[in-house]
N, C-alpha and C. Protein backbone atom coordinates (compact mmCIF):
# COMPACT_ATOMS: atom_id res chain seq x y z
N MET A 1 0.82 -1.18 0.00
CA MET A 1 0.00 0.00 0.00
C MET A 1 0.86 1.25 0.00
N SER A 2 1.95 1.24 0.74
CA SER A 2 2.82 2.40 0.78
C SER A 2 3.52 2.59 -0.57
N GLN A 3 3.68 1.49 -1.28
CA GLN A 3 4.31 1.58 -2.58
C GLN A 3 3.40 2.28 -3.59
N THR A 4 2.11 2.05 -3.53
CA THR A 4 1.18 2.73 -4.44
C THR A 4 1.06 4.20 -4.08
N ALA A 5 1.12 4.48 -2.78
CA ALA A 5 1.07 5.89 -2.35
C ALA A 5 2.31 6.62 -2.85
N ALA A 6 3.45 5.97 -2.82
CA ALA A 6 4.69 6.57 -3.29
C ALA A 6 4.64 6.81 -4.80
N GLN A 7 3.91 5.97 -5.52
CA GLN A 7 3.78 6.15 -6.96
C GLN A 7 2.88 7.35 -7.29
N PHE A 8 1.86 7.58 -6.48
CA PHE A 8 0.93 8.68 -6.73
C PHE A 8 1.44 10.03 -6.18
N LEU A 9 2.41 9.98 -5.30
CA LEU A 9 2.92 11.21 -4.69
C LEU A 9 3.47 12.20 -5.73
N PRO A 10 4.27 11.80 -6.71
CA PRO A 10 4.74 12.76 -7.72
C PRO A 10 3.59 13.33 -8.55
N LEU A 11 2.58 12.53 -8.82
CA LEU A 11 1.42 13.00 -9.58
C LEU A 11 0.65 14.06 -8.79
N VAL A 12 0.45 13.82 -7.50
CA VAL A 12 -0.24 14.78 -6.64
C VAL A 12 0.58 16.07 -6.52
N ALA A 13 1.89 15.93 -6.39
CA ALA A 13 2.77 17.11 -6.31
C ALA A 13 2.72 17.90 -7.61
N LEU A 14 2.69 17.24 -8.75
CA LEU A 14 2.60 17.92 -10.04
C LEU A 14 1.28 18.68 -10.17
N ILE A 15 0.21 18.09 -9.74
CA ILE A 15 -1.10 18.75 -9.79
C ILE A 15 -1.10 19.98 -8.87
N ALA A 16 -0.52 19.86 -7.69
CA ALA A 16 -0.46 21.00 -6.76
C ALA A 16 0.38 22.13 -7.35
N ILE A 17 1.50 21.79 -7.95
CA ILE A 17 2.36 22.80 -8.57
C ILE A 17 1.63 23.49 -9.72
N MET A 18 0.93 22.72 -10.54
CA MET A 18 0.16 23.28 -11.65
C MET A 18 -0.91 24.24 -11.13
N TYR A 19 -1.55 23.88 -10.03
CA TYR A 19 -2.59 24.73 -9.46
C TYR A 19 -2.01 26.07 -9.03
N PHE A 20 -0.91 26.04 -8.29
CA PHE A 20 -0.34 27.28 -7.76
C PHE A 20 0.37 28.12 -8.82
N LEU A 21 0.86 27.50 -9.89
CA LEU A 21 1.55 28.26 -10.92
C LEU A 21 0.64 28.72 -12.06
N MET A 22 -0.46 28.03 -12.32
CA MET A 22 -1.29 28.38 -13.48
C MET A 22 -2.73 28.71 -13.13
N ILE A 23 -3.39 27.86 -12.42
CA ILE A 23 -4.83 28.01 -12.20
C ILE A 23 -5.13 29.15 -11.23
N ARG A 24 -4.45 29.20 -10.12
CA ARG A 24 -4.74 30.22 -9.10
C ARG A 24 -4.47 31.64 -9.61
N PRO A 25 -3.33 31.92 -10.26
CA PRO A 25 -3.12 33.27 -10.79
C PRO A 25 -4.16 33.67 -11.85
N GLN A 26 -4.59 32.71 -12.66
CA GLN A 26 -5.58 33.02 -13.69
C GLN A 26 -6.93 33.36 -13.05
N ARG A 27 -7.30 32.64 -12.01
CA ARG A 27 -8.56 32.95 -11.31
C ARG A 27 -8.49 34.34 -10.67
N LYS A 28 -7.33 34.67 -10.12
CA LYS A 28 -7.16 35.99 -9.50
C LYS A 28 -7.30 37.09 -10.55
N LYS A 29 -6.69 36.90 -11.71
CA LYS A 29 -6.78 37.86 -12.80
C LYS A 29 -8.22 37.99 -13.30
N ASP A 30 -8.92 36.87 -13.45
CA ASP A 30 -10.32 36.89 -13.88
C ASP A 30 -11.19 37.64 -12.88
N LYS A 31 -10.91 37.47 -11.60
CA LYS A 31 -11.67 38.17 -10.56
C LYS A 31 -11.47 39.68 -10.67
N GLN A 32 -10.22 40.13 -10.91
CA GLN A 32 -9.95 41.55 -11.08
C GLN A 32 -10.66 42.12 -12.30
N ILE A 33 -10.65 41.38 -13.40
CA ILE A 33 -11.30 41.85 -14.63
C ILE A 33 -12.81 41.95 -14.41
N ASN A 34 -13.40 40.97 -13.76
CA ASN A 34 -14.85 41.02 -13.49
C ASN A 34 -15.20 42.18 -12.58
N GLU A 35 -14.36 42.47 -11.60
CA GLU A 35 -14.59 43.60 -10.70
C GLU A 35 -14.52 44.91 -11.48
N MET A 36 -13.55 45.02 -12.40
CA MET A 36 -13.43 46.21 -13.23
C MET A 36 -14.67 46.39 -14.10
N ARG A 37 -15.17 45.31 -14.67
CA ARG A 37 -16.36 45.39 -15.52
C ARG A 37 -17.61 45.74 -14.73
N LYS A 38 -17.70 45.27 -13.49
CA LYS A 38 -18.84 45.61 -12.65
C LYS A 38 -18.82 47.07 -12.23
N SER A 39 -17.64 47.65 -12.10
CA SER A 39 -17.53 49.02 -11.60
C SER A 39 -17.50 50.07 -12.71
N LEU A 40 -17.83 49.69 -13.95
CA LEU A 40 -17.86 50.66 -15.04
C LEU A 40 -18.91 51.72 -14.76
N MET A 41 -18.55 52.98 -15.06
CA MET A 41 -19.45 54.10 -14.81
C MET A 41 -19.55 54.97 -16.06
N VAL A 42 -20.60 55.78 -16.12
CA VAL A 42 -20.75 56.73 -17.21
C VAL A 42 -19.58 57.71 -17.14
N GLY A 43 -18.96 57.94 -18.30
CA GLY A 43 -17.82 58.85 -18.37
C GLY A 43 -16.49 58.13 -18.48
N ASP A 44 -16.43 56.84 -18.15
CA ASP A 44 -15.19 56.09 -18.27
C ASP A 44 -14.85 55.92 -19.75
N GLU A 45 -13.58 56.08 -20.08
CA GLU A 45 -13.12 55.82 -21.44
C GLU A 45 -12.55 54.41 -21.45
N ILE A 46 -13.02 53.59 -22.41
CA ILE A 46 -12.68 52.17 -22.41
C ILE A 46 -12.12 51.73 -23.76
N VAL A 47 -11.56 50.52 -23.76
CA VAL A 47 -11.16 49.82 -24.98
C VAL A 47 -11.85 48.47 -24.94
N THR A 48 -12.50 48.11 -26.05
CA THR A 48 -13.18 46.82 -26.10
C THR A 48 -12.20 45.73 -26.54
N ILE A 49 -12.66 44.50 -26.45
CA ILE A 49 -11.83 43.37 -26.88
C ILE A 49 -11.49 43.49 -28.36
N GLY A 50 -12.40 44.08 -29.14
CA GLY A 50 -12.18 44.26 -30.58
C GLY A 50 -11.30 45.46 -30.92
N GLY A 51 -10.90 46.24 -29.89
CA GLY A 51 -10.02 47.37 -30.13
C GLY A 51 -10.74 48.69 -30.37
N ILE A 52 -12.02 48.76 -30.06
CA ILE A 52 -12.78 49.99 -30.24
C ILE A 52 -12.62 50.86 -28.99
N TYR A 53 -12.20 52.10 -29.19
CA TYR A 53 -12.09 53.07 -28.10
C TYR A 53 -13.39 53.84 -28.02
N GLY A 54 -13.88 54.07 -26.81
CA GLY A 54 -15.11 54.83 -26.65
C GLY A 54 -15.30 55.30 -25.23
N LYS A 55 -16.32 56.12 -25.08
CA LYS A 55 -16.66 56.68 -23.77
C LYS A 55 -18.05 56.17 -23.40
N ILE A 56 -18.20 55.68 -22.18
CA ILE A 56 -19.47 55.14 -21.74
C ILE A 56 -20.46 56.28 -21.53
N VAL A 57 -21.63 56.17 -22.17
CA VAL A 57 -22.66 57.19 -22.01
C VAL A 57 -23.89 56.65 -21.27
N LYS A 58 -24.00 55.32 -21.18
CA LYS A 58 -25.14 54.73 -20.48
C LYS A 58 -24.76 53.32 -20.04
N THR A 59 -25.18 52.94 -18.83
CA THR A 59 -24.91 51.59 -18.36
C THR A 59 -26.22 50.89 -18.02
N LYS A 60 -26.24 49.60 -18.28
CA LYS A 60 -27.37 48.75 -17.91
C LYS A 60 -26.80 47.57 -17.15
N ASP A 61 -27.66 46.60 -16.80
CA ASP A 61 -27.18 45.45 -16.04
C ASP A 61 -26.11 44.66 -16.79
N GLU A 62 -26.40 44.22 -17.99
CA GLU A 62 -25.48 43.38 -18.74
C GLU A 62 -24.87 44.08 -19.95
N THR A 63 -25.31 45.30 -20.25
CA THR A 63 -24.80 46.00 -21.43
C THR A 63 -24.38 47.43 -21.07
N ILE A 64 -23.61 48.01 -21.97
CA ILE A 64 -23.22 49.42 -21.86
C ILE A 64 -23.40 50.06 -23.23
N VAL A 65 -23.61 51.35 -23.26
CA VAL A 65 -23.68 52.10 -24.51
C VAL A 65 -22.46 53.00 -24.53
N ILE A 66 -21.66 52.88 -25.61
CA ILE A 66 -20.47 53.72 -25.72
C ILE A 66 -20.61 54.66 -26.91
N GLN A 67 -19.93 55.78 -26.82
CA GLN A 67 -19.91 56.78 -27.88
C GLN A 67 -18.50 56.80 -28.44
N THR A 68 -18.38 56.68 -29.77
CA THR A 68 -17.06 56.61 -30.39
C THR A 68 -16.90 57.67 -31.45
N GLY A 69 -15.67 58.08 -31.64
CA GLY A 69 -15.32 58.95 -32.76
C GLY A 69 -15.89 60.35 -32.69
N ALA A 70 -15.46 61.16 -33.67
CA ALA A 70 -15.90 62.54 -33.75
C ALA A 70 -17.35 62.66 -34.18
N ASP A 71 -17.85 61.66 -34.91
CA ASP A 71 -19.24 61.71 -35.35
C ASP A 71 -20.21 61.17 -34.30
N ARG A 72 -19.70 60.84 -33.14
CA ARG A 72 -20.49 60.44 -31.97
C ARG A 72 -21.43 59.25 -32.24
N VAL A 73 -20.90 58.23 -32.86
CA VAL A 73 -21.67 57.01 -33.09
C VAL A 73 -21.82 56.30 -31.75
N ARG A 74 -23.02 55.83 -31.46
CA ARG A 74 -23.28 55.11 -30.21
C ARG A 74 -23.46 53.63 -30.50
N LEU A 75 -22.78 52.81 -29.70
CA LEU A 75 -22.85 51.36 -29.85
C LEU A 75 -23.26 50.75 -28.52
N GLU A 76 -24.17 49.78 -28.58
CA GLU A 76 -24.53 49.04 -27.37
C GLU A 76 -23.75 47.74 -27.38
N MET A 77 -23.05 47.48 -26.28
CA MET A 77 -22.17 46.32 -26.21
C MET A 77 -22.38 45.59 -24.89
N ALA A 78 -22.00 44.33 -24.87
CA ALA A 78 -22.04 43.56 -23.64
C ALA A 78 -20.90 44.00 -22.72
N ARG A 79 -21.13 43.95 -21.43
CA ARG A 79 -20.09 44.34 -20.47
C ARG A 79 -18.84 43.48 -20.60
N TRP A 80 -19.01 42.20 -20.92
CA TRP A 80 -17.86 41.32 -21.00
C TRP A 80 -16.94 41.68 -22.16
N SER A 81 -17.40 42.55 -23.08
CA SER A 81 -16.57 42.92 -24.22
C SER A 81 -15.57 44.03 -23.88
N VAL A 82 -15.61 44.55 -22.66
CA VAL A 82 -14.67 45.60 -22.26
C VAL A 82 -13.34 44.95 -21.90
N SER A 83 -12.29 45.42 -22.55
CA SER A 83 -10.96 44.90 -22.29
C SER A 83 -10.28 45.65 -21.15
N SER A 84 -10.33 46.98 -21.21
CA SER A 84 -9.69 47.77 -20.16
C SER A 84 -10.30 49.17 -20.11
N VAL A 85 -10.10 49.81 -18.97
CA VAL A 85 -10.54 51.19 -18.79
C VAL A 85 -9.32 52.06 -19.05
N VAL A 86 -9.46 52.99 -20.00
CA VAL A 86 -8.35 53.87 -20.36
C VAL A 86 -8.30 55.05 -19.40
N LYS A 87 -9.46 55.60 -19.08
CA LYS A 87 -9.50 56.80 -18.25
C LYS A 87 -10.77 56.77 -17.43
N ASP A 88 -10.62 56.97 -16.11
CA ASP A 88 -11.78 57.05 -15.22
C ASP A 88 -12.10 58.52 -15.00
N ALA A 89 -12.85 59.14 -15.87
CA ALA A 89 -13.09 60.58 -15.79
C ALA A 89 -13.75 61.01 -14.48
N PRO A 90 -14.93 60.48 -14.11
CA PRO A 90 -15.55 60.96 -12.88
C PRO A 90 -14.75 60.59 -11.64
N ARG A 91 -14.20 59.41 -11.61
CA ARG A 91 -13.45 58.98 -10.44
C ARG A 91 -12.20 59.82 -10.27
N LYS A 92 -11.50 60.09 -11.38
CA LYS A 92 -10.28 60.88 -11.29
C LYS A 92 -10.59 62.31 -10.88
N ALA A 93 -11.70 62.85 -11.39
CA ALA A 93 -12.06 64.21 -11.02
C ALA A 93 -12.36 64.29 -9.53
N ALA A 94 -13.08 63.29 -9.02
CA ALA A 94 -13.39 63.28 -7.59
C ALA A 94 -12.13 63.09 -6.76
N ALA A 95 -11.25 62.19 -7.22
CA ALA A 95 -10.01 61.95 -6.49
C ALA A 95 -9.11 63.18 -6.53
N LYS A 96 -9.10 63.87 -7.68
CA LYS A 96 -8.27 65.07 -7.81
C LYS A 96 -8.78 66.16 -6.88
N ALA A 97 -10.11 66.34 -6.83
CA ALA A 97 -10.68 67.35 -5.94
C ALA A 97 -10.37 67.03 -4.48
N GLU A 98 -10.45 65.75 -4.15
CA GLU A 98 -10.15 65.33 -2.78
C GLU A 98 -8.67 65.56 -2.46
N ALA A 99 -7.79 65.27 -3.43
CA ALA A 99 -6.36 65.48 -3.22
C ALA A 99 -6.04 66.96 -3.06
N GLU A 100 -6.72 67.81 -3.82
CA GLU A 100 -6.50 69.25 -3.68
C GLU A 100 -6.93 69.75 -2.31
N ASP A 101 -8.05 69.20 -1.81
CA ASP A 101 -8.50 69.58 -0.48
C ASP A 101 -7.45 69.20 0.57
N VAL A 102 -6.88 68.01 0.41
CA VAL A 102 -5.86 67.56 1.35
C VAL A 102 -4.62 68.45 1.24
N LYS A 103 -4.22 68.78 0.01
CA LYS A 103 -3.05 69.63 -0.19
C LYS A 103 -3.27 71.00 0.45
N GLU A 104 -4.47 71.55 0.29
CA GLU A 104 -4.75 72.86 0.85
C GLU A 104 -4.69 72.83 2.37
N GLU A 105 -5.12 71.73 2.95
CA GLU A 105 -5.09 71.62 4.41
C GLU A 105 -3.65 71.44 4.91
N ASP A 106 -2.85 70.65 4.18
CA ASP A 106 -1.50 70.35 4.61
C ASP A 106 -0.50 71.44 4.26
N ALA A 107 -0.76 72.17 3.17
CA ALA A 107 0.20 73.17 2.72
C ALA A 107 0.22 74.36 3.67
N PRO A 108 1.41 74.92 3.84
CA PRO A 108 1.47 76.11 4.69
C PRO A 108 0.71 77.25 4.02
N LYS A 109 0.07 78.01 4.81
CA LYS A 109 -0.72 79.12 4.28
C LYS A 109 0.22 80.17 3.69
N LYS A 110 -0.15 80.67 2.53
CA LYS A 110 0.62 81.73 1.92
C LYS A 110 0.36 83.01 2.70
N SER A 111 1.42 83.77 2.85
CA SER A 111 1.23 85.01 3.59
C SER A 111 0.53 86.01 2.68
N ILE A 112 -0.54 86.52 3.15
CA ILE A 112 -1.32 87.51 2.41
C ILE A 112 -1.11 88.84 3.10
N LYS A 113 -0.73 89.82 2.30
CA LYS A 113 -0.56 91.14 2.88
C LYS A 113 -1.94 91.70 3.15
N ARG A 114 -2.17 91.95 4.36
CA ARG A 114 -3.46 92.48 4.75
C ARG A 114 -3.41 94.00 4.66
N LEU A 115 -4.51 94.57 4.22
CA LEU A 115 -4.60 96.02 4.18
C LEU A 115 -4.79 96.51 5.60
N ARG A 116 -3.97 97.42 5.93
CA ARG A 116 -4.10 97.97 7.26
C ARG A 116 -3.88 99.47 7.17
N LYS A 117 -4.30 100.13 8.17
CA LYS A 117 -4.12 101.56 8.18
C LYS A 117 -2.66 101.85 8.47
N GLU A 118 -2.08 102.63 7.56
CA GLU A 118 -0.68 102.97 7.73
C GLU A 118 -0.56 104.20 8.62
N THR A 119 0.51 104.25 9.33
CA THR A 119 0.78 105.44 10.12
C THR A 119 1.24 106.53 9.15
N PRO A 120 1.12 107.77 9.51
CA PRO A 120 1.55 108.85 8.62
C PRO A 120 3.04 108.72 8.22
N ALA A 121 3.87 108.26 9.12
CA ALA A 121 5.30 108.09 8.80
C ALA A 121 5.50 107.02 7.73
N GLU A 122 4.77 105.90 7.84
CA GLU A 122 4.87 104.84 6.85
C GLU A 122 4.36 105.31 5.49
N ALA A 123 3.29 106.08 5.51
CA ALA A 123 2.74 106.60 4.27
C ALA A 123 3.75 107.52 3.58
N GLU A 124 4.44 108.34 4.35
CA GLU A 124 5.47 109.24 3.79
C GLU A 124 6.61 108.44 3.19
N ASP A 125 7.02 107.36 3.86
CA ASP A 125 8.10 106.51 3.33
C ASP A 125 7.71 105.90 1.99
N VAL A 126 6.47 105.43 1.90
CA VAL A 126 5.99 104.83 0.65
C VAL A 126 5.96 105.89 -0.44
N LYS A 127 5.49 107.07 -0.13
CA LYS A 127 5.45 108.16 -1.12
C LYS A 127 6.85 108.49 -1.63
N GLU A 128 7.82 108.53 -0.73
CA GLU A 128 9.19 108.81 -1.11
C GLU A 128 9.74 107.74 -2.04
N GLU A 129 9.46 106.48 -1.73
CA GLU A 129 9.92 105.37 -2.58
C GLU A 129 9.31 105.47 -3.97
N VAL A 130 8.03 105.82 -4.03
CA VAL A 130 7.35 105.95 -5.32
C VAL A 130 7.95 107.10 -6.11
N LYS A 131 8.20 108.22 -5.45
CA LYS A 131 8.79 109.37 -6.13
C LYS A 131 10.17 109.02 -6.69
N GLU A 132 10.98 108.30 -5.92
CA GLU A 132 12.31 107.91 -6.38
C GLU A 132 12.22 106.99 -7.58
N THR A 133 11.28 106.05 -7.54
CA THR A 133 11.11 105.13 -8.65
C THR A 133 10.67 105.88 -9.90
N VAL A 134 9.76 106.82 -9.74
CA VAL A 134 9.29 107.61 -10.89
C VAL A 134 10.45 108.41 -11.47
N GLN A 135 11.27 109.01 -10.64
CA GLN A 135 12.41 109.78 -11.12
C GLN A 135 13.40 108.89 -11.88
N ASP A 136 13.63 107.68 -11.35
CA ASP A 136 14.53 106.75 -12.02
C ASP A 136 14.00 106.37 -13.40
N VAL A 137 12.71 106.14 -13.48
CA VAL A 137 12.10 105.77 -14.76
C VAL A 137 12.20 106.95 -15.73
N GLN A 138 11.93 108.16 -15.26
CA GLN A 138 12.00 109.33 -16.13
C GLN A 138 13.42 109.53 -16.65
N GLU A 139 14.41 109.35 -15.80
CA GLU A 139 15.81 109.50 -16.22
C GLU A 139 16.16 108.45 -17.27
N THR A 140 15.70 107.24 -17.07
CA THR A 140 15.97 106.16 -18.03
C THR A 140 15.33 106.48 -19.37
N VAL A 141 14.11 106.98 -19.35
CA VAL A 141 13.41 107.34 -20.59
C VAL A 141 14.17 108.46 -21.30
N GLU A 142 14.61 109.47 -20.56
CA GLU A 142 15.36 110.58 -21.15
C GLU A 142 16.66 110.09 -21.78
N ASP A 143 17.36 109.19 -21.08
CA ASP A 143 18.60 108.65 -21.61
C ASP A 143 18.37 107.89 -22.91
N LEU A 144 17.32 107.10 -22.93
CA LEU A 144 17.02 106.31 -24.12
C LEU A 144 16.61 107.21 -25.30
N THR A 145 15.84 108.26 -25.03
CA THR A 145 15.46 109.17 -26.13
C THR A 145 16.67 109.90 -26.66
N GLU A 146 17.61 110.28 -25.79
CA GLU A 146 18.83 110.95 -26.25
C GLU A 146 19.65 110.01 -27.13
N GLU A 147 19.73 108.71 -26.76
CA GLU A 147 20.50 107.76 -27.56
C GLU A 147 19.85 107.55 -28.91
N LEU A 148 18.53 107.54 -28.95
CA LEU A 148 17.85 107.33 -30.21
C LEU A 148 17.96 108.57 -31.10
N ASP A 149 17.92 109.77 -30.53
CA ASP A 149 18.03 110.99 -31.31
C ASP A 149 19.47 111.23 -31.79
N GLY A 150 20.43 110.84 -30.98
CA GLY A 150 21.83 111.17 -31.28
C GLY A 150 22.51 110.14 -32.04
């Protein structure tokens, strides 16, 4: 009896190896594809098994309606004919908005110059700076006109 068990042991080991190397990964991949097909939403851009690119405009239980090309042809197709999702428009927009909210909360606040009442001394300083800048600009303009005339 132990001799027959020893003869079947390599066969059982081969079947176990085949299961873990081929069957199990394929089932996992099929499960992911089915989940992707179940989660299709209006606005997703997809590629069908036949290579047709389109945007989902309507979903039903077992079928989807896609819009293709510039002439906006609509095709009704079975869900199982979807090969991959190229772009998740609504999901990405929602995720992007959520990410921006997080960034705004985490980012340091930009310093905003608040309008405040200036003291008379500060106002005089600003006026002086403006006058100096205006004089510098006028001198530069005069110099340039002299170079162009001469």
